[in-house]
Amino acid sequence: DVRVIDISEISVIADYFVIADAANSNQLQAM
């Protein structure tokens, strides 16, 4: 479940957010 949000027109902090979640701490580290 990887999501991408283009925030370039509503914020100056970045152009994109990439959002994902991990099933466990090992997967989080691997990601």
Full PDB file with SEQRES, HELIX, SHEET, SSBOND, CRYST1, ORIGX, SCALE, CONECT and MASTER records, all heavy atoms in Angstrom:
SEQRES   1 A   31  ASP VAL ARG VAL ILE ASP ILE SER GLU ILE SER VAL ILE          
SEQRES   2 A   31  ALA ASP TYR PHE VAL ILE ALA ASP ALA ALA ASN SER ASN          
SEQRES   3 A   31  GLN LEU GLN ALA MET                                          
HELIX    1 AA1 SER A   25  ALA A   30  1                                   6    
SHEET    1 AA1 2 ARG A   3  ASP A   6  0                                        
SHEET    2 AA1 2 TYR A  16  ILE A  19 -1                                        
CRYST1    1.000    1.000    1.000  90.00  90.00  90.00 P 1           1          
ORIGX1      1.000000  0.000000  0.000000        0.00000                         
ORIGX2      0.000000  1.000000  0.000000        0.00000                         
ORIGX3      0.000000  0.000000  1.000000        0.00000                         
SCALE1      1.000000  0.000000  0.000000        0.00000                         
SCALE2      0.000000  1.000000  0.000000        0.00000                         
SCALE3      0.000000  0.000000  1.000000        0.00000                         
ATOM      1  N   ASP A   1       0.829  -1.206   0.000  1.00  0.00           N  
ATOM      2  CA  ASP A   1       0.000   0.000   0.000  1.00  0.00           C  
ATOM      3  C   ASP A   1       0.866   1.260   0.000  1.00  0.00           C  
ATOM      4  O   ASP A   1       0.956   1.967   0.995  1.00  0.00           O  
ATOM      5  CB  ASP A   1      -0.939  -0.019   1.206  1.00  0.00           C  
ATOM      6  CG  ASP A   1      -2.010   1.056   1.127  1.00  0.00           C  
ATOM      7  OD1 ASP A   1      -2.192   1.654   0.047  1.00  0.00           O  
ATOM      8  OD2 ASP A   1      -2.666   1.316   2.142  1.00  0.00           O  
ATOM      9  N   VAL A   2       1.492   1.519  -1.138  1.00  0.00           N  
ATOM     10  CA  VAL A   2       2.327   2.714  -1.289  1.00  0.00           C  
ATOM     11  C   VAL A   2       1.462   3.803  -1.906  1.00  0.00           C  
ATOM     12  O   VAL A   2       0.819   3.588  -2.933  1.00  0.00           O  
ATOM     13  CB  VAL A   2       3.551   2.437  -2.189  1.00  0.00           C  
ATOM     14  CG1 VAL A   2       4.389   3.694  -2.357  1.00  0.00           C  
ATOM     15  CG2 VAL A   2       4.386   1.300  -1.628  1.00  0.00           C  
ATOM     16  N   ARG A   3       1.440   4.967  -1.283  1.00  0.00           N  
ATOM     17  CA  ARG A   3       0.663   6.098  -1.798  1.00  0.00           C  
ATOM     18  C   ARG A   3       1.600   7.263  -2.077  1.00  0.00           C  
ATOM     19  O   ARG A   3       2.551   7.503  -1.330  1.00  0.00           O  
ATOM     20  CB  ARG A   3      -0.379   6.554  -0.784  1.00  0.00           C  
ATOM     21  CG  ARG A   3      -1.375   5.513  -0.398  1.00  0.00           C  
ATOM     22  CD  ARG A   3      -2.585   5.521  -1.323  1.00  0.00           C  
ATOM     23  NE  ARG A   3      -3.455   4.404  -1.056  1.00  0.00           N  
ATOM     24  CZ  ARG A   3      -4.504   4.433  -0.261  1.00  0.00           C  
ATOM     25  NH1 ARG A   3      -4.815   5.525   0.389  1.00  0.00           N  
ATOM     26  NH2 ARG A   3      -5.248   3.359  -0.097  1.00  0.00           N  
ATOM     27  N   VAL A   4       1.302   7.999  -3.112  1.00  0.00           N  
ATOM     28  CA  VAL A   4       2.072   9.187  -3.468  1.00  0.00           C  
ATOM     29  C   VAL A   4       1.108  10.361  -3.532  1.00  0.00           C  
ATOM     30  O   VAL A   4       0.048  10.269  -4.152  1.00  0.00           O  
ATOM     31  CB  VAL A   4       2.776   9.013  -4.838  1.00  0.00           C  
ATOM     32  CG1 VAL A   4       3.569  10.255  -5.194  1.00  0.00           C  
ATOM     33  CG2 VAL A   4       3.672   7.776  -4.831  1.00  0.00           C  
ATOM     34  N   ILE A   5       1.502  11.451  -2.878  1.00  0.00           N  
ATOM     35  CA  ILE A   5       0.696  12.666  -2.915  1.00  0.00           C  
ATOM     36  C   ILE A   5       1.562  13.794  -3.450  1.00  0.00           C  
ATOM     37  O   ILE A   5       2.627  14.088  -2.900  1.00  0.00           O  
ATOM     38  CB  ILE A   5       0.168  13.049  -1.515  1.00  0.00           C  
ATOM     39  CG1 ILE A   5      -0.575  11.889  -0.857  1.00  0.00           C  
ATOM     40  CG2 ILE A   5      -0.744  14.278  -1.622  1.00  0.00           C  
ATOM     41  CD1 ILE A   5      -0.960  12.157   0.587  1.00  0.00           C  
ATOM     42  N   ASP A   6       1.109  14.410  -4.516  1.00  0.00           N  
ATOM     43  CA  ASP A   6       1.771  15.593  -5.068  1.00  0.00           C  
ATOM     44  C   ASP A   6       1.284  16.789  -4.257  1.00  0.00           C  
ATOM     45  O   ASP A   6       0.123  17.167  -4.321  1.00  0.00           O  
ATOM     46  CB  ASP A   6       1.397  15.742  -6.542  1.00  0.00           C  
ATOM     47  CG  ASP A   6       1.989  16.978  -7.204  1.00  0.00           C  
ATOM     48  OD1 ASP A   6       2.489  17.879  -6.498  1.00  0.00           O  
ATOM     49  OD2 ASP A   6       1.947  17.044  -8.444  1.00  0.00           O  
ATOM     50  N   ILE A   7       2.186  17.380  -3.485  1.00  0.00           N  
ATOM     51  CA  ILE A   7       1.819  18.519  -2.639  1.00  0.00           C  
ATOM     52  C   ILE A   7       2.468  19.809  -3.140  1.00  0.00           C  
ATOM     53  O   ILE A   7       2.444  20.829  -2.458  1.00  0.00           O  
ATOM     54  CB  ILE A   7       2.189  18.269  -1.158  1.00  0.00           C  
ATOM     55  CG1 ILE A   7       3.685  18.051  -0.985  1.00  0.00           C  
ATOM     56  CG2 ILE A   7       1.378  17.121  -0.594  1.00  0.00           C  
ATOM     57  CD1 ILE A   7       4.156  18.101   0.453  1.00  0.00           C  
ATOM     58  N   SER A   8       3.025  19.766  -4.339  1.00  0.00           N  
ATOM     59  CA  SER A   8       3.791  20.903  -4.859  1.00  0.00           C  
ATOM     60  C   SER A   8       2.978  22.185  -4.985  1.00  0.00           C  
ATOM     61  O   SER A   8       3.533  23.279  -4.872  1.00  0.00           O  
ATOM     62  CB  SER A   8       4.418  20.555  -6.210  1.00  0.00           C  
ATOM     63  OG  SER A   8       3.408  20.285  -7.172  1.00  0.00           O  
ATOM     64  N   GLU A   9       1.683  22.066  -5.205  1.00  0.00           N  
ATOM     65  CA  GLU A   9       0.857  23.259  -5.383  1.00  0.00           C  
ATOM     66  C   GLU A   9       0.230  23.764  -4.084  1.00  0.00           C  
ATOM     67  O   GLU A   9      -0.374  24.828  -4.063  1.00  0.00           O  
ATOM     68  CB  GLU A   9      -0.225  22.989  -6.419  1.00  0.00           C  
ATOM     69  CG  GLU A   9       0.362  22.760  -7.813  1.00  0.00           C  
ATOM     70  CD  GLU A   9      -0.704  22.525  -8.862  1.00  0.00           C  
ATOM     71  OE1 GLU A   9      -1.898  22.772  -8.589  1.00  0.00           O  
ATOM     72  OE2 GLU A   9      -0.333  22.081  -9.959  1.00  0.00           O  
ATOM     73  N   ILE A  10       0.392  23.001  -2.995  1.00  0.00           N  
ATOM     74  CA  ILE A  10      -0.232  23.416  -1.740  1.00  0.00           C  
ATOM     75  C   ILE A  10       0.766  23.602  -0.599  1.00  0.00           C  
ATOM     76  O   ILE A  10       0.376  24.015   0.493  1.00  0.00           O  
ATOM     77  CB  ILE A  10      -1.342  22.433  -1.312  1.00  0.00           C  
ATOM     78  CG1 ILE A  10      -0.786  21.024  -1.090  1.00  0.00           C  
ATOM     79  CG2 ILE A  10      -2.477  22.438  -2.318  1.00  0.00           C  
ATOM     80  CD1 ILE A  10      -1.772  20.060  -0.471  1.00  0.00           C  
ATOM     81  N   SER A  11       2.035  23.287  -0.836  1.00  0.00           N  
ATOM     82  CA  SER A  11       3.029  23.407   0.224  1.00  0.00           C  
ATOM     83  C   SER A  11       4.416  23.677  -0.356  1.00  0.00           C  
ATOM     84  O   SER A  11       4.706  23.273  -1.483  1.00  0.00           O  
ATOM     85  CB  SER A  11       3.067  22.120   1.054  1.00  0.00           C  
ATOM     86  OG  SER A  11       4.048  22.221   2.064  1.00  0.00           O  
ATOM     87  N   VAL A  12       5.240  24.331   0.430  1.00  0.00           N  
ATOM     88  CA  VAL A  12       6.615  24.596   0.004  1.00  0.00           C  
ATOM     89  C   VAL A  12       7.603  23.608   0.628  1.00  0.00           C  
ATOM     90  O   VAL A  12       8.793  23.661   0.320  1.00  0.00           O  
ATOM     91  CB  VAL A  12       7.051  26.046   0.357  1.00  0.00           C  
ATOM     92  CG1 VAL A  12       6.207  27.053  -0.399  1.00  0.00           C  
ATOM     93  CG2 VAL A  12       6.994  26.283   1.852  1.00  0.00           C  
ATOM     94  N   ILE A  13       7.123  22.698   1.473  1.00  0.00           N  
ATOM     95  CA  ILE A  13       8.052  21.804   2.155  1.00  0.00           C  
ATOM     96  C   ILE A  13       8.616  20.708   1.265  1.00  0.00           C  
ATOM     97  O   ILE A  13       9.705  20.209   1.507  1.00  0.00           O  
ATOM     98  CB  ILE A  13       7.433  21.182   3.427  1.00  0.00           C  
ATOM     99  CG1 ILE A  13       6.223  20.330   3.087  1.00  0.00           C  
ATOM    100  CG2 ILE A  13       7.104  22.239   4.444  1.00  0.00           C  
ATOM    101  CD1 ILE A  13       5.695  19.533   4.278  1.00  0.00           C  
ATOM    102  N   ALA A  14       7.890  20.333   0.221  1.00  0.00           N  
ATOM    103  CA  ALA A  14       8.331  19.284  -0.702  1.00  0.00           C  
ATOM    104  C   ALA A  14       7.388  19.263  -1.897  1.00  0.00           C  
ATOM    105  O   ALA A  14       6.360  19.932  -1.900  1.00  0.00           O  
ATOM    106  CB  ALA A  14       8.337  17.926  -0.010  1.00  0.00           C  
ATOM    107  N   ASP A  15       7.765  18.475  -2.901  1.00  0.00           N  
ATOM    108  CA  ASP A  15       6.881  18.281  -4.046  1.00  0.00           C  
ATOM    109  C   ASP A  15       5.990  17.047  -3.870  1.00  0.00           C  
ATOM    110  O   ASP A  15       4.852  17.029  -4.311  1.00  0.00           O  
ATOM    111  CB  ASP A  15       7.690  18.132  -5.328  1.00  0.00           C  
ATOM    112  CG  ASP A  15       8.337  19.424  -5.766  1.00  0.00           C  
ATOM    113  OD1 ASP A  15       7.852  20.507  -5.377  1.00  0.00           O  
ATOM    114  OD2 ASP A  15       9.351  19.366  -6.502  1.00  0.00           O  
ATOM    115  N   TYR A  16       6.545  16.009  -3.226  1.00  0.00           N  
ATOM    116  CA  TYR A  16       5.809  14.751  -3.079  1.00  0.00           C  
ATOM    117  C   TYR A  16       5.964  14.183  -1.679  1.00  0.00           C  
ATOM    118  O   TYR A  16       7.023  14.305  -1.057  1.00  0.00           O  
ATOM    119  CB  TYR A  16       6.341  13.682  -4.045  1.00  0.00           C  
ATOM    120  CG  TYR A  16       6.079  13.974  -5.488  1.00  0.00           C  
ATOM    121  CD1 TYR A  16       7.056  14.567  -6.287  1.00  0.00           C  
ATOM    122  CD2 TYR A  16       4.870  13.643  -6.079  1.00  0.00           C  
ATOM    123  CE1 TYR A  16       6.829  14.838  -7.618  1.00  0.00           C  
ATOM    124  CE2 TYR A  16       4.635  13.911  -7.416  1.00  0.00           C  
ATOM    125  CZ  TYR A  16       5.611  14.503  -8.180  1.00  0.00           C  
ATOM    126  OH  TYR A  16       5.382  14.767  -9.494  1.00  0.00           O  
ATOM    127  N   PHE A  17       4.918  13.527  -1.219  1.00  0.00           N  
ATOM    128  CA  PHE A  17       4.971  12.633  -0.074  1.00  0.00           C  
ATOM    129  C   PHE A  17       4.851  11.226  -0.639  1.00  0.00           C  
ATOM    130  O   PHE A  17       4.014  10.964  -1.501  1.00  0.00           O  
ATOM    131  CB  PHE A  17       3.790  12.835   0.871  1.00  0.00           C  
ATOM    132  CG  PHE A  17       3.915  13.966   1.839  1.00  0.00           C  
ATOM    133  CD1 PHE A  17       2.793  14.380   2.538  1.00  0.00           C  
ATOM    134  CD2 PHE A  17       5.110  14.618   2.092  1.00  0.00           C  
ATOM    135  CE1 PHE A  17       2.868  15.413   3.455  1.00  0.00           C  
ATOM    136  CE2 PHE A  17       5.195  15.655   3.006  1.00  0.00           C  
ATOM    137  CZ  PHE A  17       4.061  16.053   3.684  1.00  0.00           C  
ATOM    138  N   VAL A  18       5.666  10.328  -0.145  1.00  0.00           N  
ATOM    139  CA  VAL A  18       5.522   8.902  -0.418  1.00  0.00           C  
ATOM    140  C   VAL A  18       5.195   8.275   0.937  1.00  0.00           C  
ATOM    141  O   VAL A  18       5.923   8.474   1.907  1.00  0.00           O  
ATOM    142  CB  VAL A  18       6.808   8.298  -1.010  1.00  0.00           C  
ATOM    143  CG1 VAL A  18       6.654   6.793  -1.206  1.00  0.00           C  
ATOM    144  CG2 VAL A  18       7.168   8.981  -2.335  1.00  0.00           C  
ATOM    145  N   ILE A  19       4.087   7.542   1.003  1.00  0.00           N  
ATOM    146  CA  ILE A  19       3.598   7.002   2.267  1.00  0.00           C  
ATOM    147  C   ILE A  19       3.445   5.485   2.132  1.00  0.00           C  
ATOM    148  O   ILE A  19       2.869   5.003   1.156  1.00  0.00           O  
ATOM    149  CB  ILE A  19       2.248   7.630   2.654  1.00  0.00           C  
ATOM    150  CG1 ILE A  19       2.376   9.156   2.722  1.00  0.00           C  
ATOM    151  CG2 ILE A  19       1.731   7.062   3.962  1.00  0.00           C  
ATOM    152  CD1 ILE A  19       1.055   9.894   2.832  1.00  0.00           C  
ATOM    153  N   ALA A  20       3.959   4.765   3.143  1.00  0.00           N  
ATOM    154  CA  ALA A  20       3.834   3.306   3.139  1.00  0.00           C  
ATOM    155  C   ALA A  20       3.831   2.814   4.582  1.00  0.00           C  
ATOM    156  O   ALA A  20       4.227   3.536   5.493  1.00  0.00           O  
ATOM    157  CB  ALA A  20       4.983   2.677   2.365  1.00  0.00           C  
ATOM    158  N   ASP A  21       3.381   1.569   4.759  1.00  0.00           N  
ATOM    159  CA  ASP A  21       3.416   0.998   6.099  1.00  0.00           C  
ATOM    160  C   ASP A  21       4.052  -0.374   6.073  1.00  0.00           C  
ATOM    161  O   ASP A  21       4.084  -1.045   5.047  1.00  0.00           O  
ATOM    162  CB  ASP A  21       2.025   0.951   6.736  1.00  0.00           C  
ATOM    163  CG  ASP A  21       1.021   0.157   5.948  1.00  0.00           C  
ATOM    164  OD1 ASP A  21       1.155  -1.082   5.917  1.00  0.00           O  
ATOM    165  OD2 ASP A  21       0.106   0.762   5.374  1.00  0.00           O  
ATOM    166  N   ALA A  22       4.565  -0.760   7.240  1.00  0.00           N  
ATOM    167  CA  ALA A  22       5.266  -2.025   7.398  1.00  0.00           C  
ATOM    168  C   ALA A  22       4.470  -2.964   8.294  1.00  0.00           C  
ATOM    169  O   ALA A  22       3.778  -2.522   9.208  1.00  0.00           O  
ATOM    170  CB  ALA A  22       6.637  -1.778   8.013  1.00  0.00           C  
ATOM    171  N   ALA A  23       4.614  -4.237   8.047  1.00  0.00           N  
ATOM    172  CA  ALA A  23       3.929  -5.245   8.853  1.00  0.00           C  
ATOM    173  C   ALA A  23       4.632  -5.451  10.197  1.00  0.00           C  
ATOM    174  O   ALA A  23       4.002  -5.830  11.171  1.00  0.00           O  
ATOM    175  CB  ALA A  23       3.863  -6.564   8.092  1.00  0.00           C  
ATOM    176  N   ASN A  24       5.938  -5.171  10.244  1.00  0.00           N  
ATOM    177  CA  ASN A  24       6.697  -5.372  11.482  1.00  0.00           C  
ATOM    178  C   ASN A  24       7.964  -4.518  11.451  1.00  0.00           C  
ATOM    179  O   ASN A  24       8.272  -3.889  10.434  1.00  0.00           O  
ATOM    180  CB  ASN A  24       7.026  -6.859  11.681  1.00  0.00           C  
ATOM    181  CG  ASN A  24       7.782  -7.430  10.496  1.00  0.00           C  
ATOM    182  OD1 ASN A  24       8.822  -6.921  10.102  1.00  0.00           O  
ATOM    183  ND2 ASN A  24       7.240  -8.500   9.910  1.00  0.00           N  
ATOM    184  N   SER A  25       8.702  -4.512  12.550  1.00  0.00           N  
ATOM    185  CA  SER A  25       9.886  -3.653  12.648  1.00  0.00           C  
ATOM    186  C   SER A  25      10.993  -4.073  11.686  1.00  0.00           C  
ATOM    187  O   SER A  25      11.733  -3.221  11.180  1.00  0.00           O  
ATOM    188  CB  SER A  25      10.410  -3.616  14.082  1.00  0.00           C  
ATOM    189  OG  SER A  25      10.771  -4.900  14.517  1.00  0.00           O  
ATOM    190  N   ASN A  26      11.112  -5.359  11.406  1.00  0.00           N  
ATOM    191  CA  ASN A  26      12.125  -5.804  10.439  1.00  0.00           C  
ATOM    192  C   ASN A  26      11.826  -5.274   9.041  1.00  0.00           C  
ATOM    193  O   ASN A  26      12.729  -4.853   8.322  1.00  0.00           O  
ATOM    194  CB  ASN A  26      12.224  -7.327  10.419  1.00  0.00           C  
ATOM    195  CG  ASN A  26      12.828  -7.883  11.685  1.00  0.00           C  
ATOM    196  OD1 ASN A  26      13.579  -7.206  12.385  1.00  0.00           O  
ATOM    197  ND2 ASN A  26      12.489  -9.126  12.002  1.00  0.00           N  
ATOM    198  N   GLN A  27      10.555  -5.314   8.659  1.00  0.00           N  
ATOM    199  CA  GLN A  27      10.180  -4.793   7.348  1.00  0.00           C  
ATOM    200  C   GLN A  27      10.380  -3.282   7.310  1.00  0.00           C  
ATOM    201  O   GLN A  27      10.821  -2.737   6.300  1.00  0.00           O  
ATOM    202  CB  GLN A  27       8.740  -5.147   6.989  1.00  0.00           C  
ATOM    203  CG  GLN A  27       8.394  -4.715   5.568  1.00  0.00           C  
ATOM    204  CD  GLN A  27       6.958  -4.988   5.166  1.00  0.00           C  
ATOM    205  OE1 GLN A  27       6.068  -5.046   5.990  1.00  0.00           O  
ATOM    206  NE2 GLN A  27       6.740  -5.128   3.866  1.00  0.00           N  
ATOM    207  N   LEU A  28      10.081  -2.585   8.385  1.00  0.00           N  
ATOM    208  CA  LEU A  28      10.279  -1.140   8.451  1.00  0.00           C  
ATOM    209  C   LEU A  28      11.749  -0.803   8.209  1.00  0.00           C  
ATOM    210  O   LEU A  28      12.067   0.094   7.427  1.00  0.00           O  
ATOM    211  CB  LEU A  28       9.803  -0.586   9.798  1.00  0.00           C  
ATOM    212  CG  LEU A  28       9.870   0.919   9.976  1.00  0.00           C  
ATOM    213  CD1 LEU A  28       8.896   1.613   9.030  1.00  0.00           C  
ATOM    214  CD2 LEU A  28       9.553   1.298  11.408  1.00  0.00           C  
ATOM    215  N   GLN A  29      12.648  -1.527   8.851  1.00  0.00           N  
ATOM    216  CA  GLN A  29      14.083  -1.291   8.665  1.00  0.00           C  
ATOM    217  C   GLN A  29      14.493  -1.589   7.227  1.00  0.00           C  
ATOM    218  O   GLN A  29      15.253  -0.831   6.623  1.00  0.00           O  
ATOM    219  CB  GLN A  29      14.898  -2.155   9.636  1.00  0.00           C  
ATOM    220  CG  GLN A  29      16.392  -1.897   9.569  1.00  0.00           C  
ATOM    221  CD  GLN A  29      16.778  -0.506  10.020  1.00  0.00           C  
ATOM    222  OE1 GLN A  29      16.329  -0.053  11.062  1.00  0.00           O  
ATOM    223  NE2 GLN A  29      17.581   0.190   9.237  1.00  0.00           N  
ATOM    224  N   ALA A  30      13.988  -2.675   6.672  1.00  0.00           N  
ATOM    225  CA  ALA A  30      14.311  -3.032   5.284  1.00  0.00           C  
ATOM    226  C   ALA A  30      13.815  -1.961   4.316  1.00  0.00           C  
ATOM    227  O   ALA A  30      14.497  -1.627   3.342  1.00  0.00           O  
ATOM    228  CB  ALA A  30      13.703  -4.391   4.939  1.00  0.00           C  
ATOM    229  N   MET A  31      12.638  -1.414   4.593  1.00  0.00           N  
ATOM    230  CA  MET A  31      12.084  -0.349   3.746  1.00  0.00           C  
ATOM    231  C   MET A  31      12.960   0.901   3.822  1.00  0.00           C  
ATOM    232  O   MET A  31      13.278   1.512   2.789  1.00  0.00           O  
ATOM    233  CB  MET A  31      10.651  -0.027   4.184  1.00  0.00           C  
ATOM    234  CG  MET A  31       9.665  -1.133   3.887  1.00  0.00           C  
ATOM    235  SD  MET A  31       8.106  -1.028   4.823  1.00  0.00           S  
ATOM    236  CE  MET A  31       7.478   0.572   4.378  1.00  0.00           C  
TER     237      MET A  31                                                      
MASTER        0    0    0    1    2    0    0    6  236    1    0    3          
END                                                                             
